[in-house]
């Protein structure tokens, strides 16, 4: 099976997840950052995985634009979708807001993989926002967001069970 993982990343966490997926999915698997993804590349693969991270309630605009622009081709493919987010209480909303209903409904599998906070990345304003976010988690005695490796593994297992040629 030939698989393409098309992803959008802001601070590198989605890129990290894409690399984990590429190592764990059987067959030929490539990672393609969204800014390098071409519409034509969709024809080369048996399985397409698309993912990004949620910031301020939204996925990267390039992911949304790419999926909207290529919706007809994507609906004819085997698709997996994933998102990274700090808040797991709004996962269904994030999927609905990030991808068209038809695309979400036609997926083979979807995944929510948590997220990480990187206060060392971004501009000064972004760093300050992330530091405040960490302080709020700590003040409220909440665990900091982290990647959910068990859910990443479950996602890979679902894909690896498929009999696609």
N, C-alpha and C. Protein backbone atom coordinates (compact mmCIF):
# COMPACT_ATOMS: atom_id res chain seq x y z
N UNK A 1 0.85 -1.18 0.00
CA UNK A 1 0.00 0.00 0.00
C UNK A 1 0.90 1.24 0.00
N UNK A 2 0.56 2.18 -0.84
CA UNK A 2 1.29 3.46 -0.89
C UNK A 2 0.46 4.51 -0.14
N UNK A 3 1.09 5.12 0.86
CA UNK A 3 0.38 6.08 1.72
C UNK A 3 1.09 7.42 1.70
N UNK A 4 0.30 8.48 1.61
CA UNK A 4 0.83 9.85 1.75
C UNK A 4 0.24 10.46 3.01
N UNK A 5 1.09 11.07 3.81
CA UNK A 5 0.65 11.80 5.00
C UNK A 5 0.87 13.27 4.70
N UNK A 6 -0.22 13.99 4.52
CA UNK A 6 -0.18 15.42 4.22
C UNK A 6 -0.53 16.13 5.51
N UNK A 7 0.34 17.04 5.94
CA UNK A 7 0.14 17.62 7.26
C UNK A 7 0.49 19.11 7.28
N UNK A 8 -0.17 19.80 8.19
CA UNK A 8 0.15 21.18 8.49
C UNK A 8 0.71 21.25 9.89
N UNK A 9 1.77 22.00 10.08
CA UNK A 9 2.37 22.11 11.40
C UNK A 9 2.71 23.56 11.68
N UNK A 10 2.52 23.99 12.89
CA UNK A 10 2.84 25.36 13.29
C UNK A 10 4.11 25.38 14.12
N UNK A 11 4.21 24.49 15.09
CA UNK A 11 5.36 24.47 15.99
C UNK A 11 6.15 23.17 15.93
N UNK A 12 5.82 22.29 14.99
CA UNK A 12 6.59 21.07 14.78
C UNK A 12 5.98 19.80 15.34
N UNK A 13 4.95 19.89 16.14
CA UNK A 13 4.38 18.68 16.74
C UNK A 13 3.69 17.81 15.70
N UNK A 14 2.98 18.42 14.77
CA UNK A 14 2.30 17.62 13.74
C UNK A 14 3.32 16.94 12.84
N UNK A 15 4.42 17.62 12.56
CA UNK A 15 5.51 17.01 11.79
C UNK A 15 6.05 15.79 12.53
N UNK A 16 6.22 15.91 13.83
CA UNK A 16 6.69 14.80 14.68
C UNK A 16 5.72 13.62 14.58
N UNK A 17 4.42 13.88 14.66
CA UNK A 17 3.41 12.82 14.55
C UNK A 17 3.44 12.20 13.16
N UNK A 18 3.57 13.02 12.12
CA UNK A 18 3.62 12.50 10.75
C UNK A 18 4.79 11.53 10.58
N UNK A 19 5.94 11.85 11.17
CA UNK A 19 7.11 10.96 11.10
C UNK A 19 6.85 9.65 11.84
N UNK A 20 6.18 9.73 13.00
CA UNK A 20 5.84 8.51 13.75
C UNK A 20 4.91 7.63 12.92
N UNK A 21 3.90 8.24 12.31
CA UNK A 21 2.96 7.50 11.48
C UNK A 21 3.68 6.84 10.30
N UNK A 22 4.56 7.60 9.65
CA UNK A 22 5.27 7.08 8.47
C UNK A 22 6.12 5.87 8.83
N UNK A 23 6.69 5.86 10.02
CA UNK A 23 7.51 4.71 10.45
C UNK A 23 6.64 3.51 10.81
N UNK A 24 5.42 3.75 11.27
CA UNK A 24 4.59 2.67 11.77
C UNK A 24 3.58 2.10 10.80
N UNK A 25 3.37 2.76 9.69
CA UNK A 25 2.39 2.28 8.71
C UNK A 25 3.11 1.39 7.70
N UNK A 26 2.55 0.22 7.46
CA UNK A 26 3.16 -0.74 6.55
C UNK A 26 3.11 -0.24 5.10
N UNK A 27 4.10 -0.67 4.33
CA UNK A 27 4.16 -0.30 2.92
C UNK A 27 4.93 0.99 2.73
N UNK A 28 4.86 1.50 1.52
CA UNK A 28 5.55 2.76 1.20
C UNK A 28 4.76 3.92 1.79
N UNK A 29 5.44 4.77 2.54
CA UNK A 29 4.75 5.87 3.22
C UNK A 29 5.62 7.12 3.16
N UNK A 30 5.03 8.21 2.68
CA UNK A 30 5.77 9.47 2.59
C UNK A 30 5.03 10.55 3.38
N UNK A 31 5.81 11.50 3.90
CA UNK A 31 5.21 12.67 4.56
C UNK A 31 5.38 13.87 3.63
N UNK A 32 4.32 14.66 3.54
CA UNK A 32 4.32 15.83 2.66
C UNK A 32 3.77 17.02 3.44
N UNK A 33 4.61 18.02 3.72
CA UNK A 33 4.08 19.22 4.37
C UNK A 33 3.06 19.89 3.45
N UNK A 34 2.04 20.46 4.03
CA UNK A 34 0.95 21.03 3.25
C UNK A 34 1.43 22.08 2.24
N UNK A 35 2.47 22.81 2.58
CA UNK A 35 2.94 23.84 1.64
C UNK A 35 3.65 23.24 0.43
N UNK A 36 3.89 21.93 0.43
CA UNK A 36 4.50 21.25 -0.72
C UNK A 36 3.52 20.28 -1.39
N UNK A 37 2.33 20.14 -0.85
CA UNK A 37 1.34 19.19 -1.37
C UNK A 37 0.71 19.72 -2.65
N UNK A 38 0.77 18.93 -3.68
CA UNK A 38 0.16 19.26 -4.97
C UNK A 38 -1.09 18.40 -5.16
N UNK A 39 -2.04 18.92 -5.87
CA UNK A 39 -3.26 18.16 -6.13
C UNK A 39 -2.96 16.86 -6.86
N UNK A 40 -1.99 16.91 -7.79
CA UNK A 40 -1.66 15.73 -8.59
C UNK A 40 -1.13 14.58 -7.73
N UNK A 41 -0.51 14.90 -6.61
CA UNK A 41 0.10 13.84 -5.80
C UNK A 41 -0.94 12.89 -5.23
N UNK A 42 -2.18 13.33 -5.13
CA UNK A 42 -3.23 12.47 -4.57
C UNK A 42 -3.45 11.22 -5.41
N UNK A 43 -3.21 11.32 -6.72
CA UNK A 43 -3.44 10.18 -7.62
C UNK A 43 -2.43 9.05 -7.42
N UNK A 44 -1.26 9.36 -6.86
CA UNK A 44 -0.17 8.39 -6.73
C UNK A 44 -0.35 7.42 -5.56
N UNK A 45 -1.29 7.70 -4.65
CA UNK A 45 -1.34 6.96 -3.40
C UNK A 45 -2.66 6.23 -3.22
N UNK A 46 -2.56 5.07 -2.54
CA UNK A 46 -3.75 4.26 -2.24
C UNK A 46 -4.48 4.79 -1.02
N UNK A 47 -3.71 5.38 -0.11
CA UNK A 47 -4.28 5.86 1.15
C UNK A 47 -3.72 7.25 1.42
N UNK A 48 -4.60 8.17 1.78
CA UNK A 48 -4.20 9.55 2.07
C UNK A 48 -4.56 9.86 3.52
N UNK A 49 -3.57 10.32 4.27
CA UNK A 49 -3.80 10.76 5.64
C UNK A 49 -3.58 12.27 5.66
N UNK A 50 -4.52 12.99 6.24
CA UNK A 50 -4.40 14.44 6.33
C UNK A 50 -4.57 14.85 7.79
N UNK A 51 -3.66 15.71 8.26
CA UNK A 51 -3.75 16.13 9.64
C UNK A 51 -3.15 17.49 9.89
N UNK A 52 -3.56 18.05 10.99
CA UNK A 52 -3.04 19.35 11.40
C UNK A 52 -3.36 19.59 12.86
N UNK A 53 -2.94 20.75 13.32
CA UNK A 53 -3.16 21.09 14.73
C UNK A 53 -4.18 22.20 14.85
N UNK A 54 -4.86 22.20 15.97
CA UNK A 54 -5.89 23.19 16.25
C UNK A 54 -5.29 24.29 17.12
N UNK A 55 -5.38 25.52 16.64
CA UNK A 55 -4.96 26.69 17.39
C UNK A 55 -6.11 27.69 17.36
N UNK A 56 -6.51 28.15 18.53
CA UNK A 56 -7.64 29.07 18.65
C UNK A 56 -8.88 28.50 17.96
N UNK A 57 -9.08 27.20 18.10
CA UNK A 57 -10.28 26.55 17.56
C UNK A 57 -10.25 26.22 16.09
N UNK A 58 -9.12 26.49 15.41
CA UNK A 58 -9.07 26.27 13.96
C UNK A 58 -7.83 25.48 13.55
N UNK A 59 -8.01 24.70 12.49
CA UNK A 59 -6.88 24.00 11.88
C UNK A 59 -6.16 24.99 10.96
N UNK A 60 -4.95 24.67 10.55
CA UNK A 60 -4.23 25.54 9.62
C UNK A 60 -5.08 25.77 8.38
N UNK A 61 -5.14 27.02 7.94
CA UNK A 61 -5.99 27.37 6.79
C UNK A 61 -5.55 26.63 5.53
N UNK A 62 -4.26 26.34 5.38
CA UNK A 62 -3.80 25.61 4.19
C UNK A 62 -4.40 24.21 4.13
N UNK A 63 -4.58 23.56 5.27
CA UNK A 63 -5.19 22.23 5.29
C UNK A 63 -6.64 22.33 4.82
N UNK A 64 -7.36 23.28 5.37
CA UNK A 64 -8.77 23.45 5.00
C UNK A 64 -8.91 23.77 3.52
N UNK A 65 -8.08 24.67 3.02
CA UNK A 65 -8.12 25.04 1.60
C UNK A 65 -7.78 23.85 0.70
N UNK A 66 -6.76 23.10 1.08
CA UNK A 66 -6.33 21.95 0.27
C UNK A 66 -7.43 20.90 0.18
N UNK A 67 -8.04 20.58 1.31
CA UNK A 67 -9.09 19.56 1.29
C UNK A 67 -10.32 20.05 0.52
N UNK A 68 -10.66 21.32 0.67
CA UNK A 68 -11.81 21.86 -0.07
C UNK A 68 -11.55 21.85 -1.57
N UNK A 69 -10.35 22.25 -1.96
CA UNK A 69 -9.98 22.33 -3.38
C UNK A 69 -9.93 20.93 -4.02
N UNK A 70 -9.62 19.92 -3.24
CA UNK A 70 -9.45 18.56 -3.77
C UNK A 70 -10.53 17.59 -3.30
N UNK A 71 -11.67 18.10 -2.88
CA UNK A 71 -12.69 17.26 -2.27
C UNK A 71 -13.15 16.12 -3.17
N UNK A 72 -13.35 16.36 -4.47
CA UNK A 72 -13.82 15.29 -5.36
C UNK A 72 -12.82 14.15 -5.43
N UNK A 73 -11.55 14.46 -5.56
CA UNK A 73 -10.52 13.43 -5.60
C UNK A 73 -10.44 12.70 -4.26
N UNK A 74 -10.46 13.45 -3.18
CA UNK A 74 -10.35 12.85 -1.85
C UNK A 74 -11.51 11.90 -1.55
N UNK A 75 -12.71 12.25 -1.99
CA UNK A 75 -13.87 11.39 -1.73
C UNK A 75 -13.76 10.06 -2.46
N UNK A 76 -12.92 9.99 -3.48
CA UNK A 76 -12.71 8.74 -4.20
C UNK A 76 -11.54 7.93 -3.67
N UNK A 77 -10.94 8.37 -2.57
CA UNK A 77 -9.77 7.72 -2.00
C UNK A 77 -10.07 7.15 -0.62
N UNK A 78 -9.18 6.30 -0.15
CA UNK A 78 -9.21 5.85 1.24
C UNK A 78 -8.53 6.94 2.06
N UNK A 79 -9.24 7.47 3.03
CA UNK A 79 -8.77 8.64 3.77
C UNK A 79 -8.72 8.36 5.27
N UNK A 80 -7.69 8.92 5.90
CA UNK A 80 -7.60 8.99 7.35
C UNK A 80 -7.36 10.44 7.72
N UNK A 81 -8.01 10.91 8.75
CA UNK A 81 -7.84 12.29 9.20
C UNK A 81 -7.39 12.29 10.66
N UNK A 82 -6.52 13.24 11.00
CA UNK A 82 -6.16 13.38 12.41
C UNK A 82 -5.98 14.85 12.76
N UNK A 83 -6.20 15.13 14.04
CA UNK A 83 -5.96 16.47 14.55
C UNK A 83 -5.21 16.39 15.88
N UNK A 84 -4.49 17.45 16.13
CA UNK A 84 -3.82 17.64 17.42
C UNK A 84 -4.50 18.82 18.08
N UNK A 85 -4.84 18.68 19.34
CA UNK A 85 -5.48 19.77 20.07
C UNK A 85 -5.25 19.57 21.56
N UNK A 86 -5.25 20.67 22.28
CA UNK A 86 -5.09 20.60 23.74
C UNK A 86 -6.36 20.11 24.42
N UNK A 87 -7.50 20.41 23.83
CA UNK A 87 -8.80 20.16 24.46
C UNK A 87 -9.49 18.99 23.78
N UNK A 88 -9.70 17.90 24.50
CA UNK A 88 -10.37 16.75 23.90
C UNK A 88 -11.89 16.80 24.05
N UNK A 89 -12.41 17.86 24.65
CA UNK A 89 -13.85 17.97 24.85
C UNK A 89 -14.58 18.43 23.59
N UNK A 90 -13.85 18.99 22.64
CA UNK A 90 -14.50 19.53 21.43
C UNK A 90 -14.01 18.85 20.16
N UNK A 91 -13.59 17.60 20.26
CA UNK A 91 -13.01 16.91 19.11
C UNK A 91 -13.98 16.84 17.94
N UNK A 92 -15.22 16.46 18.17
CA UNK A 92 -16.19 16.39 17.07
C UNK A 92 -16.34 17.74 16.39
N UNK A 93 -16.40 18.80 17.17
CA UNK A 93 -16.51 20.15 16.60
C UNK A 93 -15.27 20.49 15.78
N UNK A 94 -14.10 20.14 16.29
CA UNK A 94 -12.86 20.42 15.54
C UNK A 94 -12.86 19.70 14.20
N UNK A 95 -13.29 18.44 14.17
CA UNK A 95 -13.35 17.72 12.90
C UNK A 95 -14.36 18.36 11.96
N UNK A 96 -15.54 18.71 12.46
CA UNK A 96 -16.58 19.33 11.63
C UNK A 96 -16.12 20.68 11.08
N UNK A 97 -15.43 21.46 11.93
CA UNK A 97 -15.00 22.79 11.50
C UNK A 97 -13.76 22.75 10.60
N UNK A 98 -12.98 21.67 10.68
CA UNK A 98 -11.73 21.59 9.94
C UNK A 98 -11.89 20.95 8.56
N UNK A 99 -12.83 20.02 8.45
CA UNK A 99 -13.02 19.27 7.22
C UNK A 99 -14.50 19.26 6.86
N UNK A 100 -14.81 19.08 5.59
CA UNK A 100 -16.23 19.03 5.21
C UNK A 100 -16.87 17.78 5.81
N UNK A 101 -18.18 17.86 6.02
CA UNK A 101 -18.91 16.72 6.59
C UNK A 101 -18.75 15.49 5.72
N UNK A 102 -18.83 15.67 4.41
CA UNK A 102 -18.68 14.54 3.49
C UNK A 102 -17.34 13.86 3.63
N UNK A 103 -16.29 14.64 3.81
CA UNK A 103 -14.96 14.07 3.97
C UNK A 103 -14.84 13.31 5.29
N UNK A 104 -15.32 13.90 6.36
CA UNK A 104 -15.27 13.23 7.66
C UNK A 104 -16.08 11.94 7.62
N UNK A 105 -17.26 12.00 7.01
CA UNK A 105 -18.13 10.81 6.94
C UNK A 105 -17.54 9.70 6.09
N UNK A 106 -16.68 10.04 5.13
CA UNK A 106 -16.14 9.03 4.22
C UNK A 106 -14.79 8.47 4.66
N UNK A 107 -14.28 8.91 5.80
CA UNK A 107 -12.96 8.45 6.23
C UNK A 107 -12.99 7.00 6.70
N UNK A 108 -11.85 6.35 6.54
CA UNK A 108 -11.66 5.01 7.07
C UNK A 108 -11.43 5.09 8.57
N UNK A 109 -10.66 6.09 8.99
CA UNK A 109 -10.36 6.26 10.41
C UNK A 109 -10.03 7.72 10.70
N UNK A 110 -10.32 8.13 11.92
CA UNK A 110 -9.94 9.47 12.38
C UNK A 110 -9.17 9.31 13.69
N UNK A 111 -8.35 10.32 13.98
CA UNK A 111 -7.59 10.25 15.21
C UNK A 111 -7.42 11.60 15.87
N UNK A 112 -7.47 11.57 17.19
CA UNK A 112 -7.15 12.74 18.01
C UNK A 112 -5.94 12.34 18.84
N UNK A 113 -4.86 13.10 18.70
CA UNK A 113 -3.59 12.68 19.30
C UNK A 113 -3.07 13.61 20.38
N UNK A 114 -3.91 14.44 20.98
CA UNK A 114 -3.43 15.37 22.00
C UNK A 114 -2.61 16.48 21.36
N UNK A 115 -1.66 17.02 22.11
CA UNK A 115 -0.81 18.10 21.59
C UNK A 115 0.31 18.35 22.57
N UNK A 116 1.19 19.23 22.21
CA UNK A 116 2.26 19.68 23.08
C UNK A 116 2.29 21.20 23.05
N UNK A 117 2.75 21.80 24.12
CA UNK A 117 2.92 23.26 24.16
C UNK A 117 4.42 23.54 24.10
N UNK A 118 4.79 24.42 23.20
CA UNK A 118 6.21 24.76 22.98
C UNK A 118 6.46 26.24 23.28
N UNK A 119 6.71 26.59 24.54
CA UNK A 119 6.91 28.01 24.87
C UNK A 119 8.21 28.59 24.31
N UNK A 120 9.08 27.75 23.81
CA UNK A 120 10.34 28.23 23.26
C UNK A 120 10.23 28.59 21.77
N UNK A 121 9.08 28.32 21.16
CA UNK A 121 8.91 28.56 19.73
C UNK A 121 7.98 29.73 19.47
N UNK A 122 8.12 30.34 18.32
CA UNK A 122 7.25 31.43 17.91
C UNK A 122 7.83 32.79 18.25
N UNK A 123 7.04 33.82 17.97
CA UNK A 123 7.48 35.19 18.27
C UNK A 123 7.23 35.50 19.75
N UNK A 124 7.61 36.69 20.18
CA UNK A 124 7.48 37.05 21.59
C UNK A 124 6.05 36.96 22.11
N UNK A 125 5.10 37.39 21.30
CA UNK A 125 3.69 37.35 21.72
C UNK A 125 3.24 35.90 21.88
N UNK A 126 3.58 35.06 20.91
CA UNK A 126 3.21 33.64 20.97
C UNK A 126 3.84 32.97 22.17
N UNK A 127 5.12 33.25 22.43
CA UNK A 127 5.80 32.66 23.59
C UNK A 127 5.10 33.06 24.88
N UNK A 128 4.71 34.33 24.99
CA UNK A 128 4.01 34.81 26.19
C UNK A 128 2.66 34.10 26.35
N UNK A 129 1.94 33.93 25.26
CA UNK A 129 0.64 33.24 25.30
C UNK A 129 0.83 31.80 25.78
N UNK A 130 1.86 31.13 25.26
CA UNK A 130 2.10 29.73 25.65
C UNK A 130 2.54 29.63 27.11
N UNK A 131 3.33 30.56 27.57
CA UNK A 131 3.75 30.55 28.98
C UNK A 131 2.53 30.77 29.87
N UNK A 132 1.65 31.69 29.48
CA UNK A 132 0.41 31.92 30.24
C UNK A 132 -0.47 30.67 30.25
N UNK A 133 -0.51 29.99 29.11
CA UNK A 133 -1.30 28.77 29.02
C UNK A 133 -0.76 27.70 29.98
N UNK A 134 0.55 27.54 30.01
CA UNK A 134 1.18 26.58 30.93
C UNK A 134 0.87 26.96 32.36
N UNK A 135 1.01 28.25 32.69
CA UNK A 135 0.73 28.72 34.04
C UNK A 135 -0.71 28.43 34.44
N UNK A 136 -1.66 28.59 33.51
CA UNK A 136 -3.06 28.29 33.79
C UNK A 136 -3.28 26.81 34.08
N UNK A 137 -2.63 25.95 33.31
CA UNK A 137 -2.73 24.51 33.59
C UNK A 137 -2.22 24.21 34.99
N UNK A 138 -1.05 24.75 35.31
CA UNK A 138 -0.44 24.48 36.62
C UNK A 138 -1.27 25.07 37.76
N UNK A 139 -1.77 26.29 37.57
CA UNK A 139 -2.60 26.95 38.59
C UNK A 139 -3.87 26.14 38.87
N UNK A 140 -4.43 25.55 37.85
CA UNK A 140 -5.66 24.76 37.99
C UNK A 140 -5.38 23.30 38.32
N UNK A 141 -4.12 22.99 38.60
CA UNK A 141 -3.73 21.62 38.94
C UNK A 141 -4.08 20.63 37.83
N UNK A 142 -3.96 21.06 36.58
CA UNK A 142 -4.26 20.21 35.43
C UNK A 142 -2.95 19.75 34.79
N UNK A 143 -3.02 18.58 34.18
CA UNK A 143 -1.86 18.08 33.46
C UNK A 143 -1.63 18.91 32.20
N UNK A 144 -0.37 19.13 31.88
CA UNK A 144 -0.05 19.80 30.62
C UNK A 144 -0.43 18.90 29.46
N UNK A 145 -0.86 19.48 28.34
CA UNK A 145 -1.18 18.66 27.16
C UNK A 145 0.04 17.86 26.73
N UNK A 146 -0.21 16.66 26.24
CA UNK A 146 0.86 15.83 25.73
C UNK A 146 0.31 14.97 24.59
N UNK A 147 1.22 14.41 23.82
CA UNK A 147 0.79 13.52 22.75
C UNK A 147 0.25 12.23 23.34
N UNK A 148 -0.76 11.69 22.68
CA UNK A 148 -1.40 10.44 23.11
C UNK A 148 -0.89 9.31 22.21
N UNK A 149 0.26 8.77 22.61
CA UNK A 149 0.93 7.77 21.78
C UNK A 149 0.10 6.51 21.60
N UNK A 150 -0.72 6.17 22.59
CA UNK A 150 -1.59 5.00 22.45
C UNK A 150 -2.62 5.22 21.34
N UNK A 151 -3.11 6.44 21.21
CA UNK A 151 -4.09 6.72 20.16
C UNK A 151 -3.42 6.79 18.79
N UNK A 152 -2.17 7.25 18.75
CA UNK A 152 -1.42 7.22 17.49
C UNK A 152 -1.23 5.76 17.06
N UNK A 153 -0.90 4.90 18.01
CA UNK A 153 -0.72 3.47 17.71
C UNK A 153 -2.03 2.84 17.23
N UNK A 154 -3.14 3.16 17.88
CA UNK A 154 -4.44 2.63 17.45
C UNK A 154 -4.76 3.05 16.02
N UNK A 155 -4.48 4.31 15.68
CA UNK A 155 -4.70 4.84 14.33
C UNK A 155 -3.87 4.03 13.32
N UNK A 156 -2.60 3.82 13.63
CA UNK A 156 -1.73 3.04 12.73
C UNK A 156 -2.24 1.61 12.60
N UNK A 157 -2.67 1.02 13.70
CA UNK A 157 -3.19 -0.35 13.66
C UNK A 157 -4.40 -0.46 12.74
N UNK A 158 -5.30 0.52 12.82
CA UNK A 158 -6.48 0.53 11.95
C UNK A 158 -6.07 0.54 10.47
N UNK A 159 -5.11 1.37 10.14
CA UNK A 159 -4.64 1.48 8.76
C UNK A 159 -3.92 0.21 8.33
N UNK A 160 -3.09 -0.32 9.20
CA UNK A 160 -2.32 -1.52 8.85
C UNK A 160 -3.20 -2.76 8.66
N UNK A 161 -4.43 -2.74 9.21
CA UNK A 161 -5.35 -3.87 9.04
C UNK A 161 -6.02 -3.86 7.65
N UNK A 162 -5.96 -2.72 6.96
CA UNK A 162 -6.66 -2.59 5.69
C UNK A 162 -6.03 -3.46 4.60
N UNK A 163 -6.85 -3.92 3.72
CA UNK A 163 -6.39 -4.72 2.58
C UNK A 163 -6.53 -3.89 1.30
N UNK A 164 -5.70 -2.88 1.18
CA UNK A 164 -5.77 -1.98 0.03
C UNK A 164 -4.58 -2.25 -0.87
N UNK A 165 -4.83 -2.31 -2.15
CA UNK A 165 -3.74 -2.50 -3.12
C UNK A 165 -3.73 -1.38 -4.10
